[in-house]
Amino acid sequence: LGAHWDLFATFCDLQGVARPADQDGVSLLPTLTGEEEQPPHDALYWELGPQQAIRVGDWKLYRRYDKQGRVVEEGLFDLAADPG
C-alpha cells in the first residue's frame, strides 16, 4: 500500500488533474482498477514526530531524536534475520 504522497498522486489522477512536477508519489489508480499490478516502492520512509525510519528491502534504519534534534536512539535491522 502507498503513503500519503501516493494518495495525492492517485487523487490527481481520479480528478484528471496534472500532478505538480515537484511532487513525489505514484498513482495507485492502475492497481485499484485492476488495469495493471504495480511494483512496490524501492524504499519506504516514515516520519512521526521525533522518530524516523527507512526500509530498503530487508533492511530498516530507525532513529529517534530528542527535543534539541540530537539522535538518542538508532538501529539498523536485518528484517529477514530478525523479524521482531
N, C-alpha and C. Protein backbone atom coordinates (compact mmCIF):
# COMPACT_ATOMS: atom_id res chain seq x y z
N LEU A 1 0.85 -1.18 0.00
CA LEU A 1 0.00 0.00 0.00
C LEU A 1 0.89 1.23 0.00
N GLY A 2 0.39 2.30 -0.54
CA GLY A 2 1.16 3.53 -0.66
C GLY A 2 1.06 4.40 0.57
N ALA A 3 1.70 5.52 0.51
CA ALA A 3 1.68 6.50 1.58
C ALA A 3 0.94 7.74 1.10
N HIS A 4 0.93 8.79 1.92
CA HIS A 4 0.14 9.97 1.58
C HIS A 4 0.53 10.58 0.25
N TRP A 5 1.81 10.52 -0.11
CA TRP A 5 2.21 11.10 -1.40
C TRP A 5 1.65 10.28 -2.56
N ASP A 6 1.46 8.96 -2.35
CA ASP A 6 0.81 8.13 -3.37
C ASP A 6 -0.68 8.45 -3.45
N LEU A 7 -1.28 8.73 -2.31
CA LEU A 7 -2.71 9.09 -2.32
C LEU A 7 -2.93 10.40 -3.06
N PHE A 8 -2.03 11.36 -2.87
CA PHE A 8 -2.14 12.64 -3.58
C PHE A 8 -2.08 12.41 -5.09
N ALA A 9 -1.12 11.60 -5.53
CA ALA A 9 -0.99 11.30 -6.95
C ALA A 9 -2.24 10.58 -7.47
N THR A 10 -2.79 9.69 -6.67
CA THR A 10 -4.00 8.95 -7.06
C THR A 10 -5.19 9.89 -7.17
N PHE A 11 -5.36 10.79 -6.21
CA PHE A 11 -6.47 11.74 -6.25
C PHE A 11 -6.36 12.65 -7.47
N CYS A 12 -5.14 13.07 -7.81
CA CYS A 12 -4.95 13.88 -9.02
C CYS A 12 -5.42 13.11 -10.25
N ASP A 13 -5.03 11.84 -10.35
CA ASP A 13 -5.46 11.02 -11.49
C ASP A 13 -6.98 10.85 -11.51
N LEU A 14 -7.58 10.64 -10.36
CA LEU A 14 -9.04 10.49 -10.30
C LEU A 14 -9.76 11.74 -10.79
N GLN A 15 -9.19 12.90 -10.51
CA GLN A 15 -9.80 14.16 -10.91
C GLN A 15 -9.39 14.58 -12.32
N GLY A 16 -8.43 13.87 -12.91
CA GLY A 16 -7.94 14.25 -14.23
C GLY A 16 -7.12 15.51 -14.21
N VAL A 17 -6.45 15.75 -13.08
CA VAL A 17 -5.65 16.96 -12.91
C VAL A 17 -4.16 16.58 -12.98
N ALA A 18 -3.38 17.41 -13.64
CA ALA A 18 -1.94 17.16 -13.71
C ALA A 18 -1.33 17.34 -12.33
N ARG A 19 -0.49 16.42 -11.97
CA ARG A 19 0.20 16.48 -10.69
C ARG A 19 1.36 17.45 -10.79
N PRO A 20 1.59 18.30 -9.77
CA PRO A 20 2.74 19.22 -9.80
C PRO A 20 4.04 18.44 -9.98
N ALA A 21 4.95 18.97 -10.76
CA ALA A 21 6.20 18.28 -11.08
C ALA A 21 7.08 18.05 -9.85
N ASP A 22 6.92 18.88 -8.83
CA ASP A 22 7.77 18.73 -7.65
C ASP A 22 7.21 17.75 -6.61
N GLN A 23 6.14 17.06 -6.95
CA GLN A 23 5.51 16.12 -6.02
C GLN A 23 5.94 14.69 -6.30
N ASP A 24 6.35 13.99 -5.24
CA ASP A 24 6.69 12.58 -5.35
C ASP A 24 5.40 11.76 -5.31
N GLY A 25 5.52 10.51 -5.55
CA GLY A 25 4.38 9.63 -5.42
C GLY A 25 4.02 8.95 -6.73
N VAL A 26 3.33 7.84 -6.58
CA VAL A 26 2.89 7.04 -7.71
C VAL A 26 1.38 6.86 -7.59
N SER A 27 0.67 7.09 -8.66
CA SER A 27 -0.77 6.89 -8.63
C SER A 27 -1.08 5.40 -8.47
N LEU A 28 -1.97 5.09 -7.55
CA LEU A 28 -2.38 3.72 -7.31
C LEU A 28 -3.58 3.33 -8.17
N LEU A 29 -4.06 4.25 -8.98
CA LEU A 29 -5.26 4.01 -9.78
C LEU A 29 -5.16 2.78 -10.67
N PRO A 30 -4.05 2.55 -11.40
CA PRO A 30 -3.99 1.34 -12.22
C PRO A 30 -4.14 0.05 -11.42
N THR A 31 -3.59 0.01 -10.22
CA THR A 31 -3.74 -1.18 -9.37
C THR A 31 -5.16 -1.29 -8.84
N LEU A 32 -5.74 -0.17 -8.40
CA LEU A 32 -7.09 -0.20 -7.84
C LEU A 32 -8.15 -0.60 -8.87
N THR A 33 -7.93 -0.21 -10.11
CA THR A 33 -8.90 -0.54 -11.16
C THR A 33 -8.63 -1.90 -11.79
N GLY A 34 -7.52 -2.55 -11.40
CA GLY A 34 -7.17 -3.84 -11.97
C GLY A 34 -6.51 -3.74 -13.34
N GLU A 35 -6.21 -2.51 -13.76
CA GLU A 35 -5.59 -2.29 -15.07
C GLU A 35 -4.20 -2.90 -15.14
N GLU A 36 -3.42 -2.73 -14.08
CA GLU A 36 -2.09 -3.32 -14.02
C GLU A 36 -1.64 -3.44 -12.58
N GLU A 37 -0.81 -4.42 -12.31
CA GLU A 37 -0.21 -4.60 -11.00
C GLU A 37 1.08 -3.81 -10.98
N GLN A 38 1.25 -2.95 -9.99
CA GLN A 38 2.42 -2.09 -9.93
C GLN A 38 3.43 -2.65 -8.94
N PRO A 39 4.71 -2.50 -9.24
CA PRO A 39 5.73 -2.95 -8.29
C PRO A 39 5.75 -2.04 -7.06
N PRO A 40 6.16 -2.56 -5.91
CA PRO A 40 6.25 -1.70 -4.72
C PRO A 40 7.39 -0.70 -4.85
N HIS A 41 7.37 0.30 -4.01
CA HIS A 41 8.46 1.28 -3.99
C HIS A 41 9.78 0.59 -3.62
N ASP A 42 10.87 1.13 -4.13
CA ASP A 42 12.19 0.59 -3.78
C ASP A 42 12.50 0.82 -2.31
N ALA A 43 12.10 1.97 -1.80
CA ALA A 43 12.35 2.32 -0.41
C ALA A 43 11.08 2.90 0.19
N LEU A 44 10.87 2.64 1.48
CA LEU A 44 9.74 3.20 2.21
C LEU A 44 10.30 4.03 3.36
N TYR A 45 9.70 5.21 3.58
CA TYR A 45 10.19 6.13 4.60
C TYR A 45 9.04 6.56 5.49
N TRP A 46 9.27 6.57 6.78
CA TRP A 46 8.27 7.02 7.74
C TRP A 46 8.87 8.09 8.63
N GLU A 47 8.04 9.03 9.03
CA GLU A 47 8.46 10.04 9.99
C GLU A 47 7.25 10.37 10.85
N LEU A 48 7.43 10.28 12.16
CA LEU A 48 6.37 10.59 13.10
C LEU A 48 6.99 11.28 14.30
N GLY A 49 6.75 12.58 14.39
CA GLY A 49 7.34 13.35 15.48
C GLY A 49 8.85 13.22 15.47
N PRO A 50 9.43 12.80 16.60
CA PRO A 50 10.88 12.71 16.68
C PRO A 50 11.45 11.38 16.17
N GLN A 51 10.64 10.58 15.49
CA GLN A 51 11.09 9.28 15.02
C GLN A 51 11.11 9.21 13.49
N GLN A 52 12.12 8.54 12.97
CA GLN A 52 12.23 8.33 11.53
C GLN A 52 12.64 6.88 11.28
N ALA A 53 12.19 6.35 10.15
CA ALA A 53 12.63 5.01 9.75
C ALA A 53 12.61 4.95 8.23
N ILE A 54 13.51 4.17 7.70
CA ILE A 54 13.53 3.91 6.27
C ILE A 54 13.76 2.41 6.09
N ARG A 55 13.05 1.85 5.12
CA ARG A 55 13.22 0.43 4.82
C ARG A 55 13.56 0.29 3.34
N VAL A 56 14.61 -0.47 3.08
CA VAL A 56 15.02 -0.82 1.73
C VAL A 56 15.24 -2.32 1.73
N GLY A 57 14.40 -3.03 0.99
CA GLY A 57 14.50 -4.49 1.00
C GLY A 57 14.25 -5.03 2.39
N ASP A 58 15.17 -5.85 2.88
CA ASP A 58 15.04 -6.43 4.22
C ASP A 58 15.71 -5.60 5.30
N TRP A 59 16.23 -4.42 4.95
CA TRP A 59 16.94 -3.59 5.91
C TRP A 59 16.09 -2.41 6.36
N LYS A 60 16.12 -2.15 7.66
CA LYS A 60 15.40 -1.00 8.21
C LYS A 60 16.35 -0.22 9.12
N LEU A 61 16.38 1.10 8.91
CA LEU A 61 17.15 2.00 9.76
C LEU A 61 16.15 2.84 10.56
N TYR A 62 16.34 2.89 11.86
CA TYR A 62 15.44 3.63 12.76
C TYR A 62 16.25 4.66 13.55
N ARG A 63 15.66 5.86 13.72
CA ARG A 63 16.27 6.90 14.55
C ARG A 63 15.21 7.62 15.35
N ARG A 64 15.59 7.99 16.57
CA ARG A 64 14.73 8.83 17.41
C ARG A 64 15.57 9.98 17.91
N TYR A 65 14.97 11.18 17.92
CA TYR A 65 15.67 12.41 18.28
C TYR A 65 15.08 12.98 19.57
N ASP A 66 15.92 13.73 20.32
CA ASP A 66 15.40 14.46 21.46
C ASP A 66 14.91 15.83 21.00
N LYS A 67 14.47 16.65 21.93
CA LYS A 67 13.90 17.96 21.58
C LYS A 67 14.93 18.93 20.99
N GLN A 68 16.20 18.66 21.21
CA GLN A 68 17.26 19.50 20.65
C GLN A 68 17.72 18.99 19.28
N GLY A 69 17.11 17.92 18.80
CA GLY A 69 17.46 17.38 17.49
C GLY A 69 18.63 16.42 17.49
N ARG A 70 19.05 15.99 18.68
CA ARG A 70 20.14 15.03 18.76
C ARG A 70 19.60 13.60 18.69
N VAL A 71 20.33 12.73 18.01
CA VAL A 71 19.94 11.33 17.92
C VAL A 71 20.14 10.69 19.30
N VAL A 72 19.08 10.12 19.86
CA VAL A 72 19.17 9.47 21.17
C VAL A 72 19.02 7.96 21.07
N GLU A 73 18.55 7.49 19.93
CA GLU A 73 18.42 6.05 19.74
C GLU A 73 18.44 5.79 18.24
N GLU A 74 19.15 4.75 17.83
CA GLU A 74 19.14 4.36 16.42
C GLU A 74 19.52 2.90 16.31
N GLY A 75 19.12 2.32 15.21
CA GLY A 75 19.46 0.93 14.99
C GLY A 75 19.26 0.56 13.53
N LEU A 76 20.07 -0.37 13.07
CA LEU A 76 19.95 -0.92 11.74
C LEU A 76 19.56 -2.38 11.90
N PHE A 77 18.48 -2.79 11.26
CA PHE A 77 17.94 -4.12 11.47
C PHE A 77 17.83 -4.87 10.14
N ASP A 78 18.21 -6.15 10.17
CA ASP A 78 18.00 -7.05 9.05
C ASP A 78 16.70 -7.79 9.33
N LEU A 79 15.62 -7.38 8.69
CA LEU A 79 14.31 -7.94 9.00
C LEU A 79 14.17 -9.40 8.59
N ALA A 80 14.97 -9.85 7.64
CA ALA A 80 14.94 -11.26 7.26
C ALA A 80 15.50 -12.14 8.37
N ALA A 81 16.53 -11.65 9.06
CA ALA A 81 17.14 -12.40 10.13
C ALA A 81 16.45 -12.17 11.47
N ASP A 82 15.83 -11.00 11.65
CA ASP A 82 15.20 -10.65 12.93
C ASP A 82 13.86 -9.96 12.65
N PRO A 83 12.81 -10.73 12.35
CA PRO A 83 11.52 -10.11 12.01
C PRO A 83 10.86 -9.39 13.18
N GLY A 84 11.31 -9.62 14.41
CA GLY A 84 10.73 -8.96 15.58
C GLY A 84 11.19 -7.55 15.69
